[in-house]
């Protein structure tokens, strides 16, 4: 309770904060593999975007994609996939709301996104006009 109060009074909508190991078992709980990402990329119900670094520019392409196309992307360098509303598609991701943010009102919660990147991949510099909580895995 005390840490939630400190978070809301000191940091939430005031200044950034780094909380190491907020979900120490995140990588085992949300155990996604290459085939899972391909399935998500090809699903019409999943909003996914691909960011590719080509000739010093970042290009953005909206999915869904074919599995053949995504396989070819995985073999290139400097790309990122951004999955929107992953909490709608993977129950273990949805559980993060109740486990990590039970003190937040539902109306403040939008969705949980996942970014998957190759070394050197990025979505580029940007500003978000909403609160963002980032969890970093491997």
N, C-alpha and C. Protein backbone atom coordinates (compact mmCIF):
# COMPACT_ATOMS: atom_id res chain seq x y z
N UNK A 1 0.81 -1.21 0.00
CA UNK A 1 0.00 0.00 0.00
C UNK A 1 0.85 1.27 0.00
N UNK A 2 1.88 1.26 0.83
CA UNK A 2 2.73 2.45 0.92
C UNK A 2 3.39 2.74 -0.42
N UNK A 3 3.91 1.70 -1.09
CA UNK A 3 4.58 1.93 -2.37
C UNK A 3 3.60 2.44 -3.43
N UNK A 4 2.35 1.96 -3.40
CA UNK A 4 1.34 2.45 -4.35
C UNK A 4 1.05 3.93 -4.09
N UNK A 5 0.94 4.29 -2.82
CA UNK A 5 0.68 5.69 -2.47
C UNK A 5 1.84 6.59 -2.91
N UNK A 6 3.06 6.14 -2.66
CA UNK A 6 4.24 6.90 -3.08
C UNK A 6 4.25 7.05 -4.60
N UNK A 7 3.96 5.95 -5.31
CA UNK A 7 3.94 6.01 -6.77
C UNK A 7 2.93 7.04 -7.26
N UNK A 8 1.70 6.99 -6.75
CA UNK A 8 0.65 7.91 -7.21
C UNK A 8 0.94 9.35 -6.82
N UNK A 9 1.45 9.57 -5.62
CA UNK A 9 1.68 10.94 -5.15
C UNK A 9 2.96 11.56 -5.70
N UNK A 10 3.97 10.75 -5.94
CA UNK A 10 5.27 11.27 -6.32
C UNK A 10 5.56 11.21 -7.81
N UNK A 11 5.13 10.11 -8.45
CA UNK A 11 5.55 9.87 -9.83
C UNK A 11 4.44 9.94 -10.87
N UNK A 12 3.30 9.33 -10.61
CA UNK A 12 2.26 9.19 -11.63
C UNK A 12 1.85 10.54 -12.18
N UNK A 13 2.04 10.73 -13.47
CA UNK A 13 1.74 11.95 -14.20
C UNK A 13 2.57 13.15 -13.73
N UNK A 14 3.69 12.87 -13.05
CA UNK A 14 4.56 13.95 -12.57
C UNK A 14 5.97 13.84 -13.13
N UNK A 15 6.56 12.64 -13.02
CA UNK A 15 7.93 12.48 -13.50
C UNK A 15 8.21 10.99 -13.73
N UNK A 16 9.15 10.70 -14.59
CA UNK A 16 9.48 9.30 -14.88
C UNK A 16 10.10 8.62 -13.66
N UNK A 17 9.91 7.33 -13.62
CA UNK A 17 10.52 6.52 -12.56
C UNK A 17 10.92 5.18 -13.15
N UNK A 18 12.06 4.67 -12.72
CA UNK A 18 12.52 3.35 -13.12
C UNK A 18 12.34 2.41 -11.94
N UNK A 19 11.59 1.36 -12.15
CA UNK A 19 11.38 0.35 -11.11
C UNK A 19 11.97 -0.95 -11.62
N UNK A 20 13.12 -1.29 -11.13
CA UNK A 20 13.79 -2.51 -11.58
C UNK A 20 13.08 -3.75 -11.02
N UNK A 21 12.97 -4.75 -11.87
CA UNK A 21 12.38 -6.04 -11.49
C UNK A 21 10.94 -5.91 -10.98
N UNK A 22 10.18 -5.02 -11.59
CA UNK A 22 8.78 -4.85 -11.21
C UNK A 22 8.01 -6.15 -11.39
N UNK A 23 8.31 -6.87 -12.45
CA UNK A 23 7.76 -8.20 -12.71
C UNK A 23 8.96 -9.11 -12.97
N UNK A 24 9.60 -9.63 -11.93
CA UNK A 24 10.85 -10.36 -12.12
C UNK A 24 10.72 -11.62 -12.98
N UNK A 25 9.54 -12.17 -13.06
CA UNK A 25 9.35 -13.40 -13.83
C UNK A 25 8.64 -13.16 -15.16
N UNK A 26 8.71 -11.94 -15.67
CA UNK A 26 7.96 -11.56 -16.87
C UNK A 26 8.30 -12.46 -18.07
N UNK A 27 9.55 -12.83 -18.21
CA UNK A 27 9.96 -13.60 -19.38
C UNK A 27 9.46 -15.04 -19.34
N UNK A 28 9.29 -15.59 -18.16
CA UNK A 28 8.76 -16.96 -18.07
C UNK A 28 7.24 -16.97 -18.07
N UNK A 29 6.63 -15.94 -17.51
CA UNK A 29 5.16 -15.86 -17.48
C UNK A 29 4.59 -15.60 -18.86
N UNK A 30 5.23 -14.73 -19.60
CA UNK A 30 4.78 -14.41 -20.95
C UNK A 30 5.82 -15.01 -21.89
N UNK A 31 5.73 -16.31 -22.04
CA UNK A 31 6.74 -17.09 -22.74
C UNK A 31 6.35 -17.21 -24.21
N UNK A 32 6.66 -16.18 -24.98
CA UNK A 32 6.33 -16.17 -26.41
C UNK A 32 7.54 -16.62 -27.22
N UNK A 33 7.26 -17.34 -28.27
CA UNK A 33 8.30 -17.85 -29.15
C UNK A 33 8.09 -17.30 -30.56
N UNK A 34 9.05 -17.55 -31.42
CA UNK A 34 8.99 -17.05 -32.79
C UNK A 34 7.66 -17.40 -33.45
N UNK A 35 7.18 -18.62 -33.29
CA UNK A 35 5.92 -19.03 -33.91
C UNK A 35 4.73 -18.23 -33.35
N UNK A 36 4.79 -17.87 -32.06
CA UNK A 36 3.72 -17.05 -31.47
C UNK A 36 3.68 -15.67 -32.10
N UNK A 37 4.85 -15.08 -32.30
CA UNK A 37 4.90 -13.76 -32.93
C UNK A 37 4.41 -13.81 -34.37
N UNK A 38 4.76 -14.87 -35.07
CA UNK A 38 4.28 -15.03 -36.45
C UNK A 38 2.76 -15.15 -36.45
N UNK A 39 2.21 -15.95 -35.54
CA UNK A 39 0.75 -16.08 -35.44
C UNK A 39 0.09 -14.74 -35.17
N UNK A 40 0.66 -13.96 -34.26
CA UNK A 40 0.09 -12.64 -33.96
C UNK A 40 0.16 -11.73 -35.18
N UNK A 41 1.27 -11.77 -35.90
CA UNK A 41 1.46 -10.91 -37.08
C UNK A 41 0.47 -11.24 -38.20
N UNK A 42 0.03 -12.46 -38.25
CA UNK A 42 -0.85 -12.88 -39.36
C UNK A 42 -2.33 -12.87 -38.98
N UNK A 43 -2.63 -12.57 -37.73
CA UNK A 43 -4.01 -12.57 -37.24
C UNK A 43 -4.69 -11.25 -37.61
N UNK A 44 -5.83 -11.34 -38.30
CA UNK A 44 -6.58 -10.13 -38.70
C UNK A 44 -7.06 -9.31 -37.52
N UNK A 45 -7.19 -9.94 -36.35
CA UNK A 45 -7.72 -9.26 -35.17
C UNK A 45 -6.63 -8.56 -34.35
N UNK A 46 -5.38 -8.74 -34.71
CA UNK A 46 -4.27 -8.15 -33.96
C UNK A 46 -3.74 -6.95 -34.72
N UNK A 47 -3.68 -5.81 -34.04
CA UNK A 47 -3.11 -4.61 -34.66
C UNK A 47 -1.60 -4.65 -34.47
N UNK A 48 -0.89 -4.77 -35.57
CA UNK A 48 0.57 -4.87 -35.53
C UNK A 48 1.17 -3.93 -36.56
N UNK A 49 2.30 -3.32 -36.19
CA UNK A 49 3.03 -2.44 -37.10
C UNK A 49 4.48 -2.89 -37.16
N UNK A 50 5.04 -2.78 -38.32
CA UNK A 50 6.44 -3.12 -38.54
C UNK A 50 7.21 -1.84 -38.83
N UNK A 51 8.32 -1.65 -38.13
CA UNK A 51 9.21 -0.52 -38.35
C UNK A 51 10.53 -1.10 -38.84
N UNK A 52 10.95 -0.69 -40.04
CA UNK A 52 12.21 -1.18 -40.61
C UNK A 52 13.15 -0.01 -40.85
N UNK A 53 14.41 -0.23 -40.55
CA UNK A 53 15.45 0.77 -40.79
C UNK A 53 16.09 0.47 -42.13
N UNK A 54 15.89 1.39 -43.06
CA UNK A 54 16.46 1.23 -44.40
C UNK A 54 17.03 2.56 -44.85
N UNK A 55 18.28 2.56 -45.23
CA UNK A 55 18.94 3.76 -45.75
C UNK A 55 18.71 4.97 -44.86
N UNK A 56 18.99 4.80 -43.57
CA UNK A 56 18.88 5.87 -42.57
C UNK A 56 17.47 6.41 -42.39
N UNK A 57 16.46 5.66 -42.78
CA UNK A 57 15.07 6.04 -42.59
C UNK A 57 14.33 4.89 -41.92
N UNK A 58 13.30 5.24 -41.18
CA UNK A 58 12.44 4.22 -40.58
C UNK A 58 11.13 4.21 -41.36
N UNK A 59 10.79 3.05 -41.89
CA UNK A 59 9.52 2.91 -42.59
C UNK A 59 8.55 2.16 -41.69
N UNK A 60 7.28 2.51 -41.79
CA UNK A 60 6.25 1.86 -40.98
C UNK A 60 5.24 1.20 -41.92
N UNK A 61 4.95 -0.08 -41.64
CA UNK A 61 3.99 -0.84 -42.42
C UNK A 61 2.99 -1.47 -41.46
N UNK A 62 1.72 -1.39 -41.81
CA UNK A 62 0.67 -1.96 -40.96
C UNK A 62 0.35 -3.39 -41.38
N UNK A 63 0.13 -4.25 -40.39
CA UNK A 63 -0.27 -5.64 -40.63
C UNK A 63 -1.77 -5.74 -40.77
N UNK A 64 -2.28 -6.91 -40.95
CA UNK A 64 -1.58 -8.18 -40.76
C UNK A 64 -0.65 -8.47 -41.93
N UNK A 65 0.31 -9.38 -41.64
CA UNK A 65 1.32 -9.76 -42.61
C UNK A 65 1.20 -11.26 -42.91
N UNK A 66 1.81 -11.69 -43.97
CA UNK A 66 1.86 -13.12 -44.25
C UNK A 66 3.02 -13.71 -43.44
N UNK A 67 2.93 -14.98 -43.14
CA UNK A 67 4.01 -15.63 -42.38
C UNK A 67 5.31 -15.62 -43.19
N UNK A 68 5.22 -15.76 -44.49
CA UNK A 68 6.42 -15.74 -45.34
C UNK A 68 7.11 -14.38 -45.25
N UNK A 69 6.32 -13.31 -45.27
CA UNK A 69 6.88 -11.97 -45.17
C UNK A 69 7.56 -11.76 -43.82
N UNK A 70 6.90 -12.13 -42.73
CA UNK A 70 7.47 -11.93 -41.40
C UNK A 70 8.74 -12.77 -41.23
N UNK A 71 8.73 -13.98 -41.74
CA UNK A 71 9.95 -14.81 -41.69
C UNK A 71 11.10 -14.10 -42.39
N UNK A 72 10.82 -13.45 -43.51
CA UNK A 72 11.88 -12.74 -44.23
C UNK A 72 12.35 -11.52 -43.43
N UNK A 73 11.45 -10.86 -42.72
CA UNK A 73 11.83 -9.72 -41.88
C UNK A 73 12.74 -10.18 -40.75
N UNK A 74 12.41 -11.31 -40.13
CA UNK A 74 13.21 -11.83 -39.02
C UNK A 74 14.65 -12.09 -39.43
N UNK A 75 14.90 -12.32 -40.71
CA UNK A 75 16.26 -12.60 -41.16
C UNK A 75 17.02 -11.33 -41.57
N UNK A 76 16.38 -10.18 -41.45
CA UNK A 76 17.06 -8.91 -41.77
C UNK A 76 17.50 -8.24 -40.47
N UNK A 77 18.13 -7.10 -40.60
CA UNK A 77 18.58 -6.38 -39.41
C UNK A 77 17.75 -5.13 -39.21
N UNK A 78 17.77 -4.62 -37.98
CA UNK A 78 17.17 -3.33 -37.62
C UNK A 78 15.67 -3.24 -37.94
N UNK A 79 14.88 -3.99 -37.23
CA UNK A 79 13.43 -3.95 -37.37
C UNK A 79 12.79 -4.01 -35.98
N UNK A 80 11.56 -3.52 -35.89
CA UNK A 80 10.76 -3.63 -34.67
C UNK A 80 9.32 -3.94 -35.06
N UNK A 81 8.70 -4.79 -34.29
CA UNK A 81 7.28 -5.06 -34.42
C UNK A 81 6.60 -4.50 -33.19
N UNK A 82 5.50 -3.79 -33.38
CA UNK A 82 4.75 -3.22 -32.27
C UNK A 82 3.35 -3.80 -32.30
N UNK A 83 3.00 -4.54 -31.24
CA UNK A 83 1.70 -5.20 -31.13
C UNK A 83 0.82 -4.40 -30.19
N UNK A 84 -0.35 -4.00 -30.65
CA UNK A 84 -1.31 -3.24 -29.86
C UNK A 84 -2.28 -4.20 -29.17
N UNK A 85 -2.78 -3.81 -28.01
CA UNK A 85 -3.82 -4.55 -27.28
C UNK A 85 -3.48 -6.02 -27.07
N UNK A 86 -2.23 -6.29 -26.70
CA UNK A 86 -1.84 -7.67 -26.50
C UNK A 86 -2.59 -8.31 -25.33
N UNK A 87 -3.07 -7.48 -24.41
CA UNK A 87 -3.85 -7.99 -23.28
C UNK A 87 -5.18 -8.61 -23.73
N UNK A 88 -5.66 -8.26 -24.91
CA UNK A 88 -6.88 -8.88 -25.45
C UNK A 88 -6.63 -10.26 -26.02
N UNK A 89 -5.39 -10.55 -26.34
CA UNK A 89 -5.06 -11.78 -27.06
C UNK A 89 -4.32 -12.83 -26.23
N UNK A 90 -3.64 -12.38 -25.18
CA UNK A 90 -2.85 -13.31 -24.37
C UNK A 90 -3.22 -13.12 -22.90
N UNK A 91 -3.88 -14.12 -22.31
CA UNK A 91 -4.34 -14.00 -20.92
C UNK A 91 -3.23 -13.64 -19.92
N UNK A 92 -2.04 -14.18 -20.08
CA UNK A 92 -0.95 -13.87 -19.16
C UNK A 92 -0.58 -12.39 -19.20
N UNK A 93 -0.74 -11.77 -20.35
CA UNK A 93 -0.49 -10.33 -20.47
C UNK A 93 -1.60 -9.55 -19.78
N UNK A 94 -2.83 -9.97 -19.97
CA UNK A 94 -3.97 -9.31 -19.32
C UNK A 94 -3.85 -9.35 -17.80
N UNK A 95 -3.27 -10.42 -17.28
CA UNK A 95 -3.10 -10.55 -15.83
C UNK A 95 -2.19 -9.47 -15.24
N UNK A 96 -1.36 -8.85 -16.06
CA UNK A 96 -0.47 -7.80 -15.58
C UNK A 96 -1.24 -6.62 -15.01
N UNK A 97 -2.43 -6.35 -15.54
CA UNK A 97 -3.25 -5.24 -15.03
C UNK A 97 -3.57 -5.45 -13.55
N UNK A 98 -4.14 -6.61 -13.22
CA UNK A 98 -4.57 -6.84 -11.84
C UNK A 98 -3.39 -7.06 -10.91
N UNK A 99 -2.33 -7.66 -11.40
CA UNK A 99 -1.18 -7.93 -10.54
C UNK A 99 -0.29 -6.72 -10.33
N UNK A 100 -0.12 -5.93 -11.35
CA UNK A 100 0.80 -4.81 -11.25
C UNK A 100 0.16 -3.47 -10.95
N UNK A 101 -1.10 -3.32 -11.33
CA UNK A 101 -1.75 -2.02 -11.20
C UNK A 101 -3.16 -2.14 -10.62
N UNK A 102 -3.34 -2.87 -9.54
CA UNK A 102 -4.69 -3.04 -8.99
C UNK A 102 -5.25 -1.73 -8.43
N UNK A 103 -4.39 -0.79 -8.14
CA UNK A 103 -4.78 0.48 -7.56
C UNK A 103 -5.17 1.52 -8.62
N UNK A 104 -5.01 1.19 -9.89
CA UNK A 104 -5.36 2.12 -10.97
C UNK A 104 -6.80 1.90 -11.39
N UNK A 105 -7.53 2.96 -11.58
CA UNK A 105 -8.91 2.87 -12.04
C UNK A 105 -8.95 2.30 -13.45
N UNK A 106 -9.96 1.49 -13.74
CA UNK A 106 -10.07 0.89 -15.07
C UNK A 106 -10.14 1.92 -16.18
N UNK A 107 -10.76 3.06 -15.93
CA UNK A 107 -10.90 4.06 -16.98
C UNK A 107 -9.55 4.67 -17.36
N UNK A 108 -8.52 4.48 -16.53
CA UNK A 108 -7.19 4.98 -16.85
C UNK A 108 -6.39 4.00 -17.70
N UNK A 109 -6.87 2.79 -17.81
CA UNK A 109 -6.14 1.74 -18.53
C UNK A 109 -6.62 1.66 -19.97
N UNK A 110 -5.69 1.62 -20.88
CA UNK A 110 -6.04 1.50 -22.29
C UNK A 110 -5.69 0.11 -22.78
N UNK A 111 -4.44 -0.14 -23.03
CA UNK A 111 -4.04 -1.45 -23.52
C UNK A 111 -2.59 -1.71 -23.16
N UNK A 112 -2.20 -2.98 -23.35
CA UNK A 112 -0.81 -3.37 -23.15
C UNK A 112 -0.24 -3.69 -24.53
N UNK A 113 0.82 -2.99 -24.86
CA UNK A 113 1.48 -3.19 -26.15
C UNK A 113 2.76 -3.98 -25.92
N UNK A 114 3.22 -4.61 -26.97
CA UNK A 114 4.49 -5.32 -26.92
C UNK A 114 5.32 -4.90 -28.11
N UNK A 115 6.58 -4.64 -27.84
CA UNK A 115 7.52 -4.31 -28.90
C UNK A 115 8.56 -5.42 -28.95
N UNK A 116 8.77 -5.94 -30.13
CA UNK A 116 9.78 -6.95 -30.37
C UNK A 116 10.75 -6.37 -31.39
N UNK A 117 12.04 -6.38 -31.06
CA UNK A 117 13.02 -5.75 -31.95
C UNK A 117 14.24 -6.61 -32.14
N UNK A 118 14.84 -6.45 -33.30
CA UNK A 118 16.16 -7.04 -33.54
C UNK A 118 17.19 -6.07 -32.96
N UNK A 119 18.43 -6.51 -32.80
CA UNK A 119 19.47 -5.55 -32.39
C UNK A 119 19.50 -4.38 -33.38
N UNK A 120 19.47 -3.17 -32.85
CA UNK A 120 19.47 -1.98 -33.70
C UNK A 120 18.08 -1.54 -34.13
N UNK A 121 17.05 -2.33 -33.80
CA UNK A 121 15.68 -1.98 -34.17
C UNK A 121 15.12 -0.92 -33.23
N UNK A 122 14.17 -0.16 -33.74
CA UNK A 122 13.57 0.93 -32.97
C UNK A 122 12.30 1.39 -33.68
N UNK A 123 11.43 2.06 -32.95
CA UNK A 123 10.29 2.69 -33.60
C UNK A 123 10.57 4.16 -33.85
N UNK A 124 11.75 4.61 -33.44
CA UNK A 124 12.14 5.99 -33.66
C UNK A 124 11.69 6.90 -32.54
N UNK A 125 12.28 8.06 -32.51
CA UNK A 125 11.93 9.04 -31.49
C UNK A 125 10.50 9.52 -31.66
N UNK A 126 9.79 9.66 -30.55
CA UNK A 126 8.41 10.12 -30.60
C UNK A 126 7.97 10.59 -29.22
N UNK A 127 6.84 11.23 -29.16
CA UNK A 127 6.24 11.68 -27.91
C UNK A 127 4.88 11.02 -27.79
N UNK A 128 4.61 10.46 -26.63
CA UNK A 128 3.29 9.89 -26.37
C UNK A 128 2.48 10.90 -25.56
N UNK A 129 1.22 11.06 -25.91
CA UNK A 129 0.35 12.00 -25.20
C UNK A 129 -0.52 11.28 -24.18
N UNK A 130 0.06 10.26 -23.56
CA UNK A 130 -0.65 9.48 -22.54
C UNK A 130 0.40 8.83 -21.66
N UNK A 131 -0.03 8.26 -20.56
CA UNK A 131 0.89 7.61 -19.63
C UNK A 131 1.36 6.29 -20.22
N UNK A 132 2.65 6.03 -20.11
CA UNK A 132 3.23 4.81 -20.67
C UNK A 132 4.03 4.11 -19.56
N UNK A 133 3.78 2.83 -19.41
CA UNK A 133 4.55 1.98 -18.53
C UNK A 133 5.30 0.99 -19.40
N UNK A 134 6.60 0.99 -19.31
CA UNK A 134 7.41 0.10 -20.15
C UNK A 134 7.98 -1.03 -19.29
N UNK A 135 7.81 -2.25 -19.77
CA UNK A 135 8.43 -3.41 -19.15
C UNK A 135 9.43 -3.95 -20.15
N UNK A 136 10.65 -4.14 -19.71
CA UNK A 136 11.67 -4.61 -20.63
C UNK A 136 12.05 -6.04 -20.29
N UNK A 137 12.00 -6.88 -21.33
CA UNK A 137 12.42 -8.27 -21.19
C UNK A 137 13.78 -8.45 -21.83
N UNK A 138 14.03 -9.66 -22.25
CA UNK A 138 15.34 -9.96 -22.84
C UNK A 138 15.52 -9.32 -24.18
